[in-house]
Amino acid sequence: MALRTMTALLVGLFFLLHTWGVKAQVKVAMEDRVEVTLGTAAEIPCLYTTDDGFGGLIIEWFYLDPAGKQHRIYFQDPTMRIEETNSQFTGRIKVDVTPSQGSGQVLLRVLETRLGDEVDFICLVKSLTDGNDQGKTQLRVFEKPDHPIIESVDEEIWYNNEEPVKIGSCEAKNGYPRPNITWYKDNTPLSNVPNEVSVESRVATGSSGLFSVESELSLKVVKEDQGSEFYCEVNYQVIGGFGMLESEKKKIRVRYPSDEVNLWVKSPKRDIKEGDTVEFECLGNGNPQPLVTFRRERVELNAINNVLELRNVSRLDSGRYECVTTHIETFEEVVGNTTLFVNYLEPADVSPEETLTLSQGADLNQSCNALSSLKTHTVWMKNGVKVATGNILSLRDVVYDMAGTYECMVTVPQLVGMETSAVFQLIVEGSPEISEPQSTSLEQAVESTVVLTCRARGNPRPTITWRSAGSLVDSQSNVTEDGVLSWVNVKVSSDLNVSCHASNTNGNVETLYSIKAIVPTTASPTTTLATVVPTTASPTTTLATVVPINDRPASTVGTVQSDTTDKIPRGSSGVIIAVLIICLLLLAILGSVLYFLYKKGKICGRSGKQDLTKEKTSRDNIVVEMKSDNTEEAVLLAVNGDKKSGDQ
């Protein structure tokens, strides 16, 4: 009792002191609106100014219920702070006061906001001298709805309904405040239009107080709605503005009859030629696609799945094709048509004949033609080589080399793979021709064998005979691709002429070979060693070495072959060298004979013996060297005596 009396006296004294002067002024300022997401903390500030110090202020917080009745939730004076019990905010509010000289802030924090917290809050500030003021702030709570769910009609919709039919529904759940739903068709918003568009919405509130909105779209369907995309858009409020969510897009299937069909060539995508496979396709403008029938000249054709296939087409398949269906409402025929043209290239034909025989020197004009629906290009080939272009092949003064197989190739540049060809055989008749040998004048060693060849061509095929000295010579021959090859083996014993004679029904020709026989200078191509005794008193030995003539190939390529390894010296220089060698050999023999007679005393009145020690001998060297530029031969003869007199 004493404590309570003491407190009252102190408060009274405090009040008396503050009321001793002029009445204090208080000003309060608050935000009109504070927005917060559901479940988070809301902060509501209250700013004030006063002439009194903070110690002389009383602060109170109230909220207004939907009926407008005021309820206090907090009280504070210089001696105490009280949070009211039994209110919807009990245990969920905190108040912080930040004083300063002549002003301050009182901050109310509402924790874990609920949908029911969306009320007006009042902040009242009073001074102990009866000055007071208050402010009000509205608290707004938001919750983003779930992503919208759209469901469309599964079955096909018939296009000619007299009233709108259901297209689909859209639902957005658990939003606050209530979200709005807008329907779109191909990005164009839809709104209610009598007898055309109907949008109905239903709103439901759950136990949590959140809103769920469902919207249903009905539409009077037309053919153009086939394939159109429909979706819904959900608009909702967020802190500081609005948010938007879009559903997935759905297409509806509209059922309507075809009043038009189109027929075209599906493949190939180019000009058509004989041998191609052609596919026609026919489609109507209805849904689903109608069953169609293909026909040509009123004759029905077999097709599969509205596709007609023609294999290995020819020019006979050219013409007008139709596809036909029946309108399910009027039962009238709906016809589509197209025209097919098949390009062709007939087999090539050569004229005047496929096998042509001409005489040498004649002219040729051969034509090649192939009837085609497109422009053609012609090339003449022989042995894989192009010889002319154009449909006329002209040859002037034909010869054997022009004979053979010619091919004309006709192509259509506009269509790859469109081509044909034909061949003809040119035969050239005439008298024989002998391939000229490289040389018909030959020089061969005596007793050697020469192979002579003769190649002739002509039409008819010529016969080849060989003659020598007016007589036939045995020969051999082979038939070649372009004529006859004949050869003979000739034994060379002396100079002779051999002729090759070719003849057929158109004439004859011959070639003459002249062979000059050459006598070899040595028996064998070896080195010859000779010992010569000089006629001096003292016997000496003379060494003669004969170097054989180096071989040089004769010019017999393709015409003459020899079976001897000795090559024939050519020209007069060879004869001179041979004569000189023979003379040297005779001199050596003569020297030996004189020496023999000297020893016997048959020369100069000498007896068979003589003192050779008293006779002074001399040393003689005889060297003979001969060379030929043509035969590259050398002969060397040396006779030496270099001993003094003495007994032998």
Foldseek 3Di string as FASTA:
>chain_A
DVVVVVVVVVVVVVLCVVQVDDQKAKDKDWDAEWEDEAFAKTKTKIKMFMPDFPQQKKKWKWWAAPVRDIDTQWIDHNPDIDGDPPDPQVPFWDWDWADDVRMTMIMIMGGRDAQRQQTKMKMKMAGSSGHIDMDIYGYHYWDAWDAKDKDADDDAAEQQDQAWAWGIKIKTWFTPPPKDKWKDKQNHTDDDDPRAKDKDKDWDADPRRGIMMMITITGNHHLVLAPIKMWMKIWGDDVPGIDIHIDDIDGHHYFFWFQAKAKDWPDDPAAAAAQAKIKMAMFTSGPPTFDKWKDDPPHTDDDDPRMDIDGRDHQVPWFKMKIWDATPPPRDIHMYMDTHGHKYKAAKDKPDDQEEEEEAQAKDKMFIDIDIPADKWKFKDDPRHTDDTDRIDIDGRDDLVPWAKMKMKMDHVRDPPRIHMGIGGYHYAAWKDKDDFPDQEEEDEAQKKKKFKIWMAGPVAKDKWKDWPRDTADKDWDADPGHIMIMHIDHHHAWIKMKIKIGDPRGIDMDIHTYGYAYDLDPDQDWDWDWFFALDLDTFTKTWTFHDFDADDDPQPPTIDIPDPHHGDDDPLVVVVSVVVVVVVVVRVVRRVNNVCVCCCNPPNGHNDDQQQPDFDDWDWDWDWDADPRRRTITIIITIDDDTTHDD
